[in-house]
N, C-alpha and C. Protein backbone atom coordinates (compact mmCIF):
# COMPACT_ATOMS: atom_id res chain seq x y z
N UNK A 1 3.85 -46.59 -23.54
CA UNK A 1 2.74 -45.79 -23.10
C UNK A 1 2.03 -45.63 -24.40
N UNK A 2 0.73 -45.70 -24.33
CA UNK A 2 -0.05 -45.64 -25.57
C UNK A 2 -0.34 -44.19 -25.77
N UNK A 3 -0.76 -43.82 -26.96
CA UNK A 3 -1.12 -42.43 -27.37
C UNK A 3 -2.15 -41.86 -26.44
N UNK A 4 -3.19 -42.51 -26.19
CA UNK A 4 -4.22 -42.12 -25.26
C UNK A 4 -3.67 -41.77 -23.74
N UNK A 5 -2.85 -42.62 -23.27
CA UNK A 5 -2.23 -42.32 -21.98
C UNK A 5 -1.32 -41.07 -21.98
N UNK A 6 -0.56 -40.87 -23.09
CA UNK A 6 0.17 -39.59 -23.29
C UNK A 6 -0.73 -38.39 -23.33
N UNK A 7 -1.85 -38.44 -23.98
CA UNK A 7 -2.72 -37.42 -24.10
C UNK A 7 -3.39 -37.04 -22.63
N UNK A 8 -3.72 -38.13 -21.92
CA UNK A 8 -4.24 -37.81 -20.62
C UNK A 8 -3.28 -37.14 -19.80
N UNK A 9 -1.99 -37.68 -19.77
CA UNK A 9 -0.91 -37.04 -18.91
C UNK A 9 -0.63 -35.66 -19.42
N UNK A 10 -0.56 -35.43 -20.61
CA UNK A 10 -0.38 -34.05 -21.07
C UNK A 10 -1.50 -33.09 -20.66
N UNK A 11 -2.78 -33.64 -20.78
CA UNK A 11 -3.91 -32.80 -20.31
C UNK A 11 -3.86 -32.54 -18.82
N UNK A 12 -3.46 -33.52 -18.07
CA UNK A 12 -3.35 -33.15 -16.73
C UNK A 12 -2.33 -32.16 -16.21
N UNK A 13 -1.16 -32.19 -16.92
CA UNK A 13 -0.06 -31.25 -16.66
C UNK A 13 -0.57 -29.88 -17.14
N UNK A 14 -1.21 -29.74 -18.23
CA UNK A 14 -1.74 -28.48 -18.58
C UNK A 14 -2.79 -27.84 -17.61
N UNK A 15 -3.65 -28.73 -17.22
CA UNK A 15 -4.72 -28.36 -16.13
C UNK A 15 -4.03 -27.87 -14.98
N UNK A 16 -3.00 -28.64 -14.51
CA UNK A 16 -2.32 -28.33 -13.23
C UNK A 16 -1.74 -26.79 -13.47
N UNK A 17 -1.14 -26.61 -14.48
CA UNK A 17 -0.29 -25.37 -14.85
C UNK A 17 -1.38 -24.10 -14.85
N UNK A 18 -2.64 -24.55 -15.42
CA UNK A 18 -3.64 -23.45 -15.59
C UNK A 18 -4.27 -23.12 -14.06
N UNK A 19 -4.28 -24.15 -13.34
CA UNK A 19 -4.83 -23.90 -12.06
C UNK A 19 -3.73 -23.07 -11.07
N UNK A 20 -2.54 -23.33 -11.37
CA UNK A 20 -1.46 -22.67 -10.70
C UNK A 20 -1.52 -21.12 -11.14
N UNK A 21 -1.73 -20.80 -12.46
CA UNK A 21 -1.80 -19.53 -12.91
C UNK A 21 -3.01 -18.75 -12.34
N UNK A 22 -4.19 -19.37 -12.33
CA UNK A 22 -5.33 -18.79 -11.62
C UNK A 22 -5.02 -18.43 -10.24
N UNK A 23 -4.47 -19.35 -9.39
CA UNK A 23 -4.21 -19.14 -8.09
C UNK A 23 -3.27 -17.98 -7.79
N UNK A 24 -2.17 -17.87 -8.57
CA UNK A 24 -1.24 -16.91 -8.44
C UNK A 24 -1.79 -15.50 -8.73
N UNK A 25 -2.75 -15.36 -9.79
CA UNK A 25 -3.35 -14.16 -10.10
C UNK A 25 -4.35 -13.62 -9.08
N UNK A 26 -4.93 -14.60 -8.28
CA UNK A 26 -5.88 -14.21 -7.19
C UNK A 26 -5.14 -13.58 -6.10
N UNK A 27 -3.93 -14.13 -5.81
CA UNK A 27 -3.16 -13.52 -4.78
C UNK A 27 -2.79 -12.18 -5.13
N UNK A 28 -2.38 -11.85 -6.26
CA UNK A 28 -1.98 -10.56 -6.70
C UNK A 28 -3.21 -9.52 -6.59
N UNK A 29 -4.45 -10.06 -6.96
CA UNK A 29 -5.58 -9.22 -6.94
C UNK A 29 -5.89 -8.89 -5.52
N UNK A 30 -5.85 -9.69 -4.65
CA UNK A 30 -6.22 -9.54 -3.24
C UNK A 30 -5.30 -8.55 -2.60
N UNK A 31 -4.11 -8.58 -3.05
CA UNK A 31 -3.06 -7.66 -2.50
C UNK A 31 -3.60 -6.14 -2.93
N UNK A 32 -3.96 -6.01 -4.16
CA UNK A 32 -4.52 -4.70 -4.74
C UNK A 32 -5.62 -4.31 -3.84
N UNK A 33 -6.57 -5.19 -3.62
CA UNK A 33 -7.76 -4.86 -2.88
C UNK A 33 -7.44 -4.36 -1.49
N UNK A 34 -6.45 -5.06 -0.89
CA UNK A 34 -6.08 -4.67 0.45
C UNK A 34 -5.49 -3.30 0.51
N UNK A 35 -4.73 -3.03 -0.47
CA UNK A 35 -4.02 -1.73 -0.61
C UNK A 35 -5.03 -0.56 -0.76
N UNK A 36 -6.04 -0.91 -1.68
CA UNK A 36 -7.08 0.04 -1.87
C UNK A 36 -7.89 0.40 -0.66
N UNK A 37 -8.28 -0.69 0.11
CA UNK A 37 -8.94 -0.49 1.33
C UNK A 37 -8.23 0.27 2.41
N UNK A 38 -6.91 0.07 2.54
CA UNK A 38 -6.03 0.83 3.46
C UNK A 38 -6.01 2.24 2.97
N UNK A 39 -5.92 2.46 1.71
CA UNK A 39 -5.93 3.87 1.20
C UNK A 39 -7.26 4.59 1.66
N UNK A 40 -8.31 3.90 1.42
CA UNK A 40 -9.58 4.46 1.66
C UNK A 40 -9.79 4.87 3.03
N UNK A 41 -9.24 3.89 4.01
CA UNK A 41 -9.37 4.26 5.42
C UNK A 41 -8.52 5.37 5.85
N UNK A 42 -7.30 5.48 5.23
CA UNK A 42 -6.41 6.50 5.60
C UNK A 42 -7.14 7.92 5.16
N UNK A 43 -7.62 7.93 3.97
CA UNK A 43 -8.36 9.15 3.48
C UNK A 43 -9.48 9.44 4.33
N UNK A 44 -10.31 8.50 4.77
CA UNK A 44 -11.43 8.76 5.56
C UNK A 44 -11.02 9.24 6.99
N UNK A 45 -9.93 8.79 7.43
CA UNK A 45 -9.47 9.29 8.82
C UNK A 45 -9.02 10.66 8.65
N UNK A 46 -8.35 10.93 7.52
CA UNK A 46 -7.86 12.47 7.35
C UNK A 46 -9.14 13.33 7.24
N UNK A 47 -10.16 12.97 6.69
CA UNK A 47 -11.39 13.80 6.39
C UNK A 47 -11.96 13.95 7.86
N UNK A 48 -12.07 12.88 8.56
CA UNK A 48 -12.73 13.04 9.94
C UNK A 48 -11.95 13.95 10.76
N UNK A 49 -10.61 13.77 10.85
CA UNK A 49 -9.73 14.38 11.83
C UNK A 49 -9.02 15.65 11.17
N UNK A 50 -9.57 16.34 10.09
CA UNK A 50 -8.87 17.25 9.36
C UNK A 50 -8.47 18.40 10.33
N UNK A 51 -9.48 18.90 11.11
CA UNK A 51 -9.38 20.04 12.09
C UNK A 51 -8.17 19.76 13.07
N UNK A 52 -8.13 18.64 13.68
CA UNK A 52 -7.10 18.16 14.50
C UNK A 52 -5.70 18.15 13.82
N UNK A 53 -5.72 17.64 12.64
CA UNK A 53 -4.40 17.51 11.75
C UNK A 53 -3.94 19.04 11.48
N UNK A 54 -4.87 19.91 11.16
CA UNK A 54 -4.42 21.30 10.72
C UNK A 54 -3.89 21.97 12.07
N UNK A 55 -4.55 21.80 13.18
CA UNK A 55 -4.00 22.43 14.44
C UNK A 55 -2.60 21.72 14.68
N UNK A 56 -2.42 20.56 14.66
CA UNK A 56 -1.04 19.97 14.98
C UNK A 56 -0.05 20.52 14.00
N UNK A 57 -0.36 20.57 12.84
CA UNK A 57 0.59 20.98 11.71
C UNK A 57 0.89 22.46 12.04
N UNK A 58 -0.15 23.39 12.38
CA UNK A 58 0.17 24.72 12.58
C UNK A 58 1.01 24.87 13.85
N UNK A 59 0.75 24.10 14.79
CA UNK A 59 1.72 24.21 16.07
C UNK A 59 3.10 23.71 15.74
N UNK A 60 3.23 22.74 14.92
CA UNK A 60 4.55 22.24 14.57
C UNK A 60 5.34 23.27 13.77
N UNK A 61 4.70 23.79 12.83
CA UNK A 61 5.31 24.82 12.01
C UNK A 61 5.74 26.09 12.86
N UNK A 62 4.83 26.39 13.69
CA UNK A 62 5.18 27.62 14.60
C UNK A 62 6.46 27.21 15.57
N UNK A 63 6.40 26.11 16.07
CA UNK A 63 7.51 25.63 16.92
C UNK A 63 8.85 25.58 16.08
N UNK A 64 8.73 25.07 14.88
CA UNK A 64 10.03 24.97 13.98
C UNK A 64 10.39 26.51 13.68
N UNK A 65 9.54 27.33 13.33
CA UNK A 65 9.82 28.76 12.82
C UNK A 65 10.48 29.32 14.16
N UNK A 66 9.83 29.15 15.30
CA UNK A 66 10.52 29.90 16.55
C UNK A 66 11.73 29.39 16.83
N UNK A 67 12.06 28.02 16.72
CA UNK A 67 13.32 27.46 17.01
C UNK A 67 14.47 28.03 16.00
N UNK A 68 14.04 28.09 14.76
CA UNK A 68 14.97 28.59 13.77
C UNK A 68 15.23 30.07 13.93
N UNK A 69 14.28 30.86 14.26
CA UNK A 69 14.47 32.30 14.74
C UNK A 69 15.39 32.38 15.85
N UNK A 70 15.08 31.55 16.94
CA UNK A 70 16.10 31.71 18.01
C UNK A 70 17.54 31.25 17.70
N UNK A 71 17.77 30.22 16.84
CA UNK A 71 18.99 29.84 16.39
C UNK A 71 19.60 30.95 15.55
N UNK A 72 18.81 31.62 14.73
CA UNK A 72 19.33 32.65 13.86
C UNK A 72 19.77 33.88 14.79
N UNK A 73 19.00 34.13 15.87
CA UNK A 73 19.33 35.33 16.72
C UNK A 73 20.70 35.06 17.47
N UNK A 74 20.94 33.76 17.67
CA UNK A 74 22.25 33.52 18.38
C UNK A 74 23.39 33.52 17.54
N UNK A 75 23.16 33.34 16.15
CA UNK A 75 24.32 33.40 15.26
C UNK A 75 24.72 34.79 14.99
N UNK A 76 23.48 35.63 14.86
CA UNK A 76 23.80 37.18 14.52
C UNK A 76 24.45 37.80 15.61
N UNK A 77 24.12 37.52 16.78
CA UNK A 77 24.69 38.34 17.91
C UNK A 77 26.07 37.92 18.17
């Protein structure tokens, strides 16, 4: 193999490795973008439905408190 052929093969291998590195970085970047979009959608939904979420949470806390109080009354008696 001549010196020129060796240089061409070496250049081709380096180019392929460079392309592989670029492609793998894009996959990671797109995953970050998807995660950020999902977080933004979740925050937006929380802002839109905050009154309903507050009502549900208050009802849940009241139910849990009432159940715990009923259980405590049964233990004390």
